[in-house]
Protein backbone atom coordinates (compact mmCIF):
# COMPACT_ATOMS: atom_id res chain seq x y z
CA MET A 1 -0.04 0.04 0.02
CA HIS A 2 2.94 2.38 0.67
CA ALA A 3 4.07 1.80 -2.98
CA PHE A 4 0.56 3.07 -4.16
CA SER A 5 0.85 6.17 -2.10
CA LEU A 6 4.38 6.75 -3.59
CA VAL A 7 3.30 6.36 -7.08
CA GLU A 8 0.24 8.64 -6.59
CA CYS A 9 2.56 11.39 -5.28
CA GLY A 10 4.74 11.33 -8.18
CA GLU A 11 7.53 9.32 -6.29
CA ASP A 12 7.90 6.60 -9.11
CA GLU A 13 11.33 5.37 -8.23
CA ARG A 14 10.51 4.92 -4.56
CA ALA A 15 7.21 3.57 -5.44
CA GLU A 16 9.10 0.80 -7.81
CA GLU A 17 11.44 0.01 -4.92
CA ALA A 18 8.54 -0.48 -2.36
CA ALA A 19 6.58 -2.65 -4.66
CA LEU A 20 9.40 -4.81 -5.52
CA THR A 21 10.32 -5.11 -1.99
CA ALA A 22 6.83 -6.23 -1.18
CA ASP A 23 6.86 -8.75 -3.90
CA ALA A 24 10.26 -10.24 -2.75
CA LEU A 25 8.57 -10.57 0.82
CA ASP A 26 5.27 -11.95 -0.69
CA PRO A 27 5.25 -13.05 -4.41
CA ASP A 28 1.61 -13.61 -4.05
CA ASP A 29 0.76 -10.27 -3.02
CA ALA A 30 -1.65 -9.00 -5.61
CA ARG A 31 -1.39 -5.41 -4.10
CA ALA A 32 2.32 -5.18 -4.97
CA HIS A 33 1.72 -6.30 -8.40
CA HIS A 34 -1.03 -3.72 -9.11
CA ALA A 35 1.24 -0.90 -7.59
CA MET A 36 4.17 -2.27 -10.00
CA VAL A 37 1.89 -2.14 -13.01
CA HIS A 38 0.91 1.50 -12.06
CA VAL A 39 4.64 2.19 -11.90
CA PHE A 40 5.07 1.00 -15.34
CA GLY A 41 2.27 3.07 -16.60
CA MET A 42 3.27 6.31 -14.89
CA THR A 43 6.85 5.83 -16.32
CA ASP A 44 5.79 5.12 -19.64
CA ARG A 45 7.25 1.66 -19.89
CA PRO A 46 4.36 -0.45 -21.36
CA GLU A 47 6.49 -3.19 -22.81
CA ALA A 48 8.51 -3.60 -19.50
CA GLY A 49 5.10 -3.64 -17.65
CA LEU A 50 3.57 -6.50 -19.97
CA ARG A 51 6.81 -8.48 -19.69
CA TRP A 52 6.71 -8.06 -15.70
CA MET A 53 3.01 -9.13 -15.59
CA HIS A 54 3.76 -12.23 -17.77
CA GLU A 55 6.57 -13.20 -15.48
CA HIS A 56 4.32 -12.87 -12.43
CA GLU A 57 1.01 -14.18 -13.62
CA THR A 58 1.31 -17.56 -12.16
CA HIS A 59 1.06 -15.80 -8.58
CA TRP A 60 -2.51 -14.47 -9.52
CA SER A 61 -3.78 -16.09 -12.57
CA GLY A 62 -5.57 -18.91 -10.43
């Protein structure tokens, strides 16, 4: 949730760090994945976002 707050405040780099840390602590945390997707969107990296989502979809696709 901290990552969401950061990305909404324009702190994209810090948001990415927070989301990646949350993902490392709990790879099944959909909120971390959702925040990461927002980071990719806000930093204009759609291809990287799609790649990241495909790499992590086993954690939330079921």
